[in-house]
Amino acid sequence: MGAYEERIEVIRRMIREAYLALPGEEEEKLAKEVVGLLDNVELLAALEVEEGPPPPAVEPAELREDLARPSLPLPRALANAPDTHDAFVAVPKILATEEKGDKP
């Protein structure tokens, strides 16, 4: 068994020990993705990076003065809202999404 297969087996064992109930093909896909990530981390760790001067500090941007200005009157701001409650836009409560097969 090669190093790649050993890593795949370690990941599979971790999946089972974490009590993740994955179908066989999902477990295989996850194991391969994790091994790929670990390989990339090893590649990055192996890079020899020359030590150089630190990057120059970023100059702070010139900001405009923060002044209070008139805004929209409340009735005009709420004019296009589908529903309002007091001085707020009312939105429906969402308990679940239909993407996962749940019904609200």
Protein backbone atom coordinates (compact mmCIF):
# COMPACT_ATOMS: atom_id res chain seq x y z
CA MET A 1 0.00 0.00 0.00
CA GLY A 2 1.43 3.34 -1.07
CA ALA A 3 1.51 6.59 0.89
CA TYR A 4 -1.57 7.92 -0.94
CA GLU A 5 -3.62 4.80 -0.16
CA GLU A 6 -2.49 4.93 3.48
CA ARG A 7 -3.66 8.52 3.75
CA ILE A 8 -7.00 7.64 2.19
CA GLU A 9 -7.42 4.83 4.72
CA VAL A 10 -6.56 7.17 7.64
CA ILE A 11 -9.17 9.67 6.44
CA ARG A 12 -11.77 6.91 6.05
CA ARG A 13 -11.07 5.76 9.61
CA MET A 14 -11.43 9.35 10.86
CA ILE A 15 -14.79 9.65 9.07
CA ARG A 16 -16.06 6.47 10.73
CA GLU A 17 -14.71 7.47 14.17
CA ALA A 18 -16.47 10.84 13.86
CA TYR A 19 -19.71 8.91 13.33
CA LEU A 20 -20.32 10.54 9.97
CA ALA A 21 -22.87 8.47 8.09
CA LEU A 22 -21.75 8.93 4.51
CA PRO A 23 -22.55 6.70 1.56
CA GLY A 24 -19.51 4.87 0.18
CA GLU A 25 -19.03 7.20 -2.79
CA GLU A 26 -19.33 10.31 -0.56
CA GLU A 27 -16.81 8.89 1.91
CA GLU A 28 -14.40 8.19 -0.95
CA LYS A 29 -14.87 11.69 -2.40
CA LEU A 30 -14.32 13.35 0.99
CA ALA A 31 -11.24 11.24 1.69
CA LYS A 32 -9.69 12.17 -1.67
CA GLU A 33 -10.45 15.87 -1.16
CA VAL A 34 -8.87 15.89 2.31
CA VAL A 35 -5.78 14.06 1.05
CA GLY A 36 -5.53 16.61 -1.78
CA LEU A 37 -5.70 19.45 0.73
CA LEU A 38 -3.02 17.83 2.88
CA ASP A 39 -0.80 17.40 -0.17
CA ASN A 40 -1.18 21.10 -0.99
CA VAL A 41 -0.34 22.08 2.59
CA GLU A 42 2.81 19.95 2.39
CA LEU A 43 3.78 21.63 -0.88
CA LEU A 44 3.37 25.07 0.65
CA ALA A 45 5.32 24.06 3.75
CA ALA A 46 8.17 22.82 1.58
CA LEU A 47 8.58 26.14 -0.23
CA GLU A 48 11.73 27.96 0.63
CA VAL A 49 10.85 31.57 1.09
CA GLU A 50 13.64 34.09 1.23
CA GLU A 51 13.48 36.42 4.14
CA GLY A 52 13.31 39.95 2.94
CA PRO A 53 12.29 43.31 4.21
CA PRO A 54 8.72 43.53 5.46
CA PRO A 55 6.21 44.97 3.03
CA PRO A 56 5.71 48.70 3.26
CA ALA A 57 2.95 49.82 5.56
CA VAL A 58 -0.28 50.71 3.90
CA GLU A 59 -0.97 54.41 4.08
CA PRO A 60 -4.36 55.19 5.57
CA ALA A 61 -6.84 56.50 3.07
CA GLU A 62 -7.92 60.08 3.28
CA LEU A 63 -11.42 60.00 4.73
CA ARG A 64 -14.08 62.62 4.33
CA GLU A 65 -15.52 64.27 7.38
CA ASP A 66 -18.48 62.42 8.84
CA LEU A 67 -21.36 64.85 8.78
CA ALA A 68 -25.00 64.30 9.58
CA ARG A 69 -27.11 65.00 6.51
CA PRO A 70 -30.83 64.87 5.89
CA SER A 71 -32.15 61.52 4.73
CA LEU A 72 -35.42 60.31 3.23
CA PRO A 73 -38.54 61.07 5.21
CA LEU A 74 -39.86 57.87 6.84
CA PRO A 75 -43.09 57.66 4.80
CA ARG A 76 -41.14 57.93 1.56
CA ALA A 77 -38.56 55.35 2.70
CA LEU A 78 -41.32 52.85 3.52
CA ALA A 79 -43.49 53.65 0.49
CA ASN A 80 -42.38 50.65 -1.61
CA ALA A 81 -42.16 48.13 1.23
CA PRO A 82 -44.60 45.24 0.75
CA ASP A 83 -45.53 45.33 4.45
CA THR A 84 -44.65 47.56 7.38
CA HIS A 85 -44.95 47.41 11.14
CA ASP A 86 -44.68 50.68 13.05
CA ALA A 87 -41.67 52.41 11.47
CA PHE A 88 -40.06 49.23 10.10
CA VAL A 89 -40.23 47.00 7.04
CA ALA A 90 -42.00 43.76 8.02
CA VAL A 91 -40.56 40.52 6.65
CA PRO A 92 -42.01 37.02 6.86
CA LYS A 93 -40.49 34.55 9.33
CA ILE A 94 -38.52 31.82 7.57
CA LEU A 95 -38.22 28.58 9.52
CA ALA A 96 -36.66 26.28 6.93
CA THR A 97 -35.53 26.19 3.34
CA GLU A 98 -37.16 24.06 0.69
CA GLU A 99 -33.74 23.21 -0.81
CA LYS A 100 -33.12 20.65 1.93
CA GLY A 101 -36.56 19.14 1.52
CA ASP A 102 -37.92 20.83 4.65
CA LYS A 103 -41.32 22.47 4.55
CA PRO A 104 -41.82 25.76 6.43
